[in-house]
């Protein structure tokens, strides 16, 4: 039960950060290609590299939920298959 509650809280936190990103995208789009750090409804900053953004996010947020997201006017769609395997697949 506690694990389910923790997962539920994490999903809700991430949803808030995504909502913040979507709401602020028009203001961020002039920095397309950079990475934004968001915690809750606060934009912490925008950084040139993912590594820089992640470093600042951990410094400012610690282990509290945060989002590091690449600023993009058009979202790249990612496709994954259930059949992903991490060992060489037999042919």
Protein backbone atom coordinates (compact mmCIF):
# COMPACT_ATOMS: atom_id res chain seq x y z
CA UNK A 1 0.00 0.00 0.00
CA UNK A 2 2.78 2.45 0.88
CA UNK A 3 4.54 1.68 -2.43
CA UNK A 4 1.34 2.41 -4.36
CA UNK A 5 0.90 5.70 -2.52
CA UNK A 6 4.50 6.69 -3.24
CA UNK A 7 4.12 5.87 -6.95
CA UNK A 8 0.85 7.79 -7.08
CA UNK A 9 2.50 10.86 -5.51
CA UNK A 10 5.41 10.70 -7.95
CA UNK A 11 3.11 10.52 -10.97
CA UNK A 12 1.09 13.48 -9.71
CA UNK A 13 4.27 15.51 -9.18
CA UNK A 14 5.52 14.75 -12.68
CA UNK A 15 2.14 15.69 -14.12
CA UNK A 16 2.40 19.09 -12.43
CA UNK A 17 5.84 19.71 -13.94
CA UNK A 18 4.61 18.71 -17.39
CA UNK A 19 1.62 21.02 -17.02
CA UNK A 20 4.02 23.83 -16.08
CA UNK A 21 6.19 23.08 -19.12
CA UNK A 22 3.17 23.10 -21.46
CA UNK A 23 1.84 26.33 -19.92
CA UNK A 24 5.22 28.11 -20.20
CA UNK A 25 6.31 26.68 -23.57
CA UNK A 26 5.46 29.86 -25.49
CA UNK A 27 7.85 31.82 -23.22
CA UNK A 28 10.55 29.13 -23.44
CA UNK A 29 10.46 28.47 -27.19
CA UNK A 30 13.06 31.15 -27.97
CA UNK A 31 15.52 28.87 -26.15
CA UNK A 32 14.61 25.78 -28.17
CA UNK A 33 17.19 23.00 -27.94
CA UNK A 34 18.22 23.91 -24.38
CA UNK A 35 17.05 22.12 -21.22
CA UNK A 36 14.63 23.53 -18.66
CA UNK A 37 14.50 22.48 -15.00
CA UNK A 38 11.04 22.57 -13.43
CA UNK A 39 9.92 21.76 -9.91
CA UNK A 40 6.18 21.93 -9.36
CA UNK A 41 5.03 25.13 -10.99
CA UNK A 42 8.43 26.86 -10.76
CA UNK A 43 10.96 27.10 -13.58
CA UNK A 44 14.35 26.86 -11.88
CA UNK A 45 16.37 27.67 -14.98
CA UNK A 46 17.34 26.93 -18.57
CA UNK A 47 20.69 25.31 -19.43
CA UNK A 48 22.65 24.51 -22.57
CA UNK A 49 23.29 20.85 -21.74
CA UNK A 50 21.30 18.10 -20.09
CA UNK A 51 24.21 17.43 -17.73
CA UNK A 52 24.29 21.07 -16.54
CA UNK A 53 20.52 21.07 -16.04
CA UNK A 54 20.58 17.81 -14.11
CA UNK A 55 23.43 19.00 -11.87
CA UNK A 56 21.57 22.19 -10.95
CA UNK A 57 18.33 20.25 -10.45
CA UNK A 58 19.94 17.96 -7.88
CA UNK A 59 21.67 20.90 -6.18
CA UNK A 60 18.42 22.89 -5.88
CA UNK A 61 15.83 20.10 -5.48
CA UNK A 62 17.76 17.27 -3.86
CA UNK A 63 15.63 14.14 -3.98
CA UNK A 64 12.33 15.99 -4.36
CA UNK A 65 10.60 15.47 -7.74
CA UNK A 66 11.75 17.66 -10.62
CA UNK A 67 11.68 17.60 -14.41
CA UNK A 68 14.56 18.20 -16.82
CA UNK A 69 13.14 18.57 -20.32
CA UNK A 70 14.52 19.59 -23.68
CA UNK A 71 12.67 22.63 -25.01
CA UNK A 72 11.09 21.68 -28.34
CA UNK A 73 8.36 23.26 -30.43
CA UNK A 74 7.51 19.82 -31.81
CA UNK A 75 7.75 16.82 -29.49
CA UNK A 76 9.76 13.87 -30.79
CA UNK A 77 7.68 10.71 -30.63
CA UNK A 78 9.51 7.73 -29.13
CA UNK A 79 8.51 4.21 -30.06
CA UNK A 80 9.31 1.22 -27.88
CA UNK A 81 8.41 -2.39 -28.26
CA UNK A 82 7.59 -4.84 -25.54
CA UNK A 83 10.08 -7.12 -27.20
CA UNK A 84 13.04 -4.99 -26.17
CA UNK A 85 15.75 -7.26 -24.89
CA UNK A 86 19.02 -6.38 -23.29
CA UNK A 87 20.79 -9.54 -24.30
CA UNK A 88 21.56 -10.47 -27.90
CA UNK A 89 18.36 -11.75 -29.44
CA UNK A 90 18.54 -15.16 -31.09
CA UNK A 91 18.16 -15.01 -34.85
